[in-house]
Amino acid sequence: MSSAQIVQLLITLIGIALAMLMFLFGPFDLVWNTVAAVVIFILAGVAAGFAYAKLQAGRKG
């Protein structure tokens, strides 16, 4: 497993954990906690994709 994949996996797992914490223990009612959790999950996925692409690009060139 390359370092880019490890970084992508870690960012994704941290994003899932933060989203679950927001969903379960967030300061808002259930609907807004759900919306915030989905936004966190999407942002974590985007960040993981960018990190993977940047690390792969740095590795190739």
N, C-alpha and C. Protein backbone atom coordinates (compact mmCIF):
# COMPACT_ATOMS: atom_id res chain seq x y z
N MET A 1 0.85 -1.17 0.00
CA MET A 1 0.00 0.00 0.00
C MET A 1 0.90 1.23 0.00
N SER A 2 0.65 2.13 -0.92
CA SER A 2 1.50 3.32 -1.03
C SER A 2 1.14 4.33 0.05
N SER A 3 2.05 5.28 0.23
CA SER A 3 1.80 6.31 1.24
C SER A 3 0.60 7.17 0.87
N ALA A 4 0.37 7.38 -0.42
CA ALA A 4 -0.79 8.15 -0.86
C ALA A 4 -2.09 7.45 -0.47
N GLN A 5 -2.12 6.15 -0.60
CA GLN A 5 -3.32 5.39 -0.22
C GLN A 5 -3.52 5.40 1.29
N ILE A 6 -2.43 5.34 2.05
CA ILE A 6 -2.54 5.38 3.51
C ILE A 6 -3.08 6.72 3.97
N VAL A 7 -2.58 7.81 3.38
CA VAL A 7 -3.07 9.15 3.72
C VAL A 7 -4.54 9.27 3.35
N GLN A 8 -4.92 8.78 2.19
CA GLN A 8 -6.32 8.83 1.77
C GLN A 8 -7.20 8.05 2.74
N LEU A 9 -6.76 6.89 3.15
CA LEU A 9 -7.52 6.06 4.09
C LEU A 9 -7.67 6.75 5.44
N LEU A 10 -6.59 7.34 5.94
CA LEU A 10 -6.64 8.03 7.23
C LEU A 10 -7.59 9.22 7.19
N ILE A 11 -7.52 10.02 6.13
CA ILE A 11 -8.41 11.18 6.01
C ILE A 11 -9.86 10.72 5.95
N THR A 12 -10.12 9.66 5.20
CA THR A 12 -11.48 9.15 5.09
C THR A 12 -12.00 8.64 6.44
N LEU A 13 -11.18 7.89 7.16
CA LEU A 13 -11.60 7.36 8.46
C LEU A 13 -11.83 8.47 9.48
N ILE A 14 -10.98 9.48 9.47
CA ILE A 14 -11.17 10.62 10.37
C ILE A 14 -12.45 11.36 10.01
N GLY A 15 -12.70 11.52 8.72
CA GLY A 15 -13.94 12.18 8.29
C GLY A 15 -15.18 11.41 8.71
N ILE A 16 -15.13 10.08 8.60
CA ILE A 16 -16.27 9.26 9.03
C ILE A 16 -16.47 9.40 10.54
N ALA A 17 -15.38 9.38 11.29
CA ALA A 17 -15.49 9.51 12.75
C ALA A 17 -16.08 10.87 13.14
N LEU A 18 -15.61 11.94 12.50
CA LEU A 18 -16.14 13.26 12.81
C LEU A 18 -17.61 13.38 12.43
N ALA A 19 -17.98 12.80 11.29
CA ALA A 19 -19.38 12.84 10.87
C ALA A 19 -20.26 12.08 11.85
N MET A 20 -19.80 10.93 12.32
CA MET A 20 -20.60 10.17 13.29
C MET A 20 -20.71 10.90 14.62
N LEU A 21 -19.61 11.53 15.06
CA LEU A 21 -19.68 12.31 16.29
C LEU A 21 -20.67 13.47 16.16
N MET A 22 -20.65 14.13 15.01
CA MET A 22 -21.58 15.24 14.80
C MET A 22 -23.01 14.73 14.76
N PHE A 23 -23.23 13.60 14.10
CA PHE A 23 -24.58 13.04 14.01
C PHE A 23 -25.10 12.63 15.38
N LEU A 24 -24.27 11.97 16.17
CA LEU A 24 -24.74 11.44 17.46
C LEU A 24 -24.77 12.48 18.57
N PHE A 25 -23.78 13.37 18.60
CA PHE A 25 -23.63 14.26 19.75
C PHE A 25 -23.62 15.74 19.37
N GLY A 26 -24.08 16.07 18.17
CA GLY A 26 -24.04 17.46 17.71
C GLY A 26 -24.94 18.38 18.53
N PRO A 27 -24.68 19.68 18.45
CA PRO A 27 -25.41 20.63 19.28
C PRO A 27 -26.79 21.01 18.73
N PHE A 28 -27.15 20.52 17.57
CA PHE A 28 -28.40 20.91 16.94
C PHE A 28 -29.42 19.78 17.05
N ASP A 29 -30.62 19.99 16.48
CA ASP A 29 -31.59 18.90 16.47
C ASP A 29 -31.18 17.88 15.40
N LEU A 30 -31.92 16.79 15.31
CA LEU A 30 -31.51 15.64 14.50
C LEU A 30 -31.32 15.99 13.03
N VAL A 31 -32.21 16.80 12.48
CA VAL A 31 -32.12 17.14 11.05
C VAL A 31 -30.83 17.91 10.76
N TRP A 32 -30.53 18.92 11.56
CA TRP A 32 -29.34 19.74 11.29
C TRP A 32 -28.06 18.98 11.62
N ASN A 33 -28.09 18.12 12.61
CA ASN A 33 -26.92 17.27 12.87
C ASN A 33 -26.67 16.35 11.68
N THR A 34 -27.74 15.83 11.09
CA THR A 34 -27.59 14.96 9.91
C THR A 34 -27.01 15.73 8.74
N VAL A 35 -27.52 16.93 8.51
CA VAL A 35 -27.01 17.76 7.41
C VAL A 35 -25.53 18.07 7.64
N ALA A 36 -25.17 18.45 8.85
CA ALA A 36 -23.77 18.75 9.16
C ALA A 36 -22.89 17.52 8.98
N ALA A 37 -23.38 16.35 9.38
CA ALA A 37 -22.61 15.12 9.24
C ALA A 37 -22.39 14.78 7.77
N VAL A 38 -23.40 14.96 6.94
CA VAL A 38 -23.26 14.69 5.51
C VAL A 38 -22.26 15.65 4.89
N VAL A 39 -22.32 16.92 5.27
CA VAL A 39 -21.37 17.91 4.74
C VAL A 39 -19.94 17.55 5.15
N ILE A 40 -19.75 17.17 6.41
CA ILE A 40 -18.42 16.77 6.87
C ILE A 40 -17.92 15.56 6.09
N PHE A 41 -18.81 14.59 5.87
CA PHE A 41 -18.42 13.38 5.14
C PHE A 41 -18.02 13.71 3.70
N ILE A 42 -18.77 14.58 3.05
CA ILE A 42 -18.45 14.97 1.67
C ILE A 42 -17.13 15.72 1.62
N LEU A 43 -16.93 16.66 2.54
CA LEU A 43 -15.67 17.41 2.57
C LEU A 43 -14.48 16.51 2.85
N ALA A 44 -14.64 15.52 3.71
CA ALA A 44 -13.55 14.58 3.98
C ALA A 44 -13.23 13.76 2.74
N GLY A 45 -14.25 13.35 2.01
CA GLY A 45 -14.02 12.61 0.77
C GLY A 45 -13.29 13.43 -0.27
N VAL A 46 -13.69 14.69 -0.40
CA VAL A 46 -13.01 15.59 -1.34
C VAL A 46 -11.56 15.82 -0.91
N ALA A 47 -11.35 16.04 0.38
CA ALA A 47 -9.98 16.25 0.88
C ALA A 47 -9.12 15.01 0.65
N ALA A 48 -9.69 13.83 0.87
CA ALA A 48 -8.94 12.60 0.65
C ALA A 48 -8.58 12.44 -0.83
N GLY A 49 -9.51 12.79 -1.71
CA GLY A 49 -9.23 12.71 -3.15
C GLY A 49 -8.13 13.67 -3.57
N PHE A 50 -8.18 14.90 -3.06
CA PHE A 50 -7.14 15.87 -3.38
C PHE A 50 -5.78 15.43 -2.83
N ALA A 51 -5.77 14.92 -1.61
CA ALA A 51 -4.51 14.48 -1.01
C ALA A 51 -3.91 13.33 -1.82
N TYR A 52 -4.76 12.40 -2.22
CA TYR A 52 -4.27 11.26 -3.01
C TYR A 52 -3.71 11.74 -4.34
N ALA A 53 -4.44 12.63 -5.02
CA ALA A 53 -3.97 13.13 -6.32
C ALA A 53 -2.67 13.90 -6.18
N LYS A 54 -2.57 14.72 -5.15
CA LYS A 54 -1.34 15.51 -4.96
C LYS A 54 -0.15 14.61 -4.65
N LEU A 55 -0.35 13.62 -3.80
CA LEU A 55 0.75 12.73 -3.47
C LEU A 55 1.15 11.85 -4.67
N GLN A 56 0.19 11.43 -5.44
CA GLN A 56 0.49 10.65 -6.64
C GLN A 56 1.23 11.49 -7.68
N ALA A 57 0.80 12.75 -7.85
CA ALA A 57 1.46 13.64 -8.81
C ALA A 57 2.90 13.93 -8.38
N GLY A 58 3.10 14.13 -7.08
CA GLY A 58 4.45 14.38 -6.58
C GLY A 58 5.34 13.17 -6.73
N ARG A 59 4.75 12.02 -6.73
CA ARG A 59 5.51 10.78 -6.84
C ARG A 59 5.95 10.49 -8.27
N LYS A 60 5.09 10.88 -9.23
CA LYS A 60 5.38 10.58 -10.64
C LYS A 60 6.32 11.60 -11.26
N GLY A 61 6.28 12.82 -10.76
CA GLY A 61 7.03 13.79 -11.49
C GLY A 61 7.89 14.66 -10.70
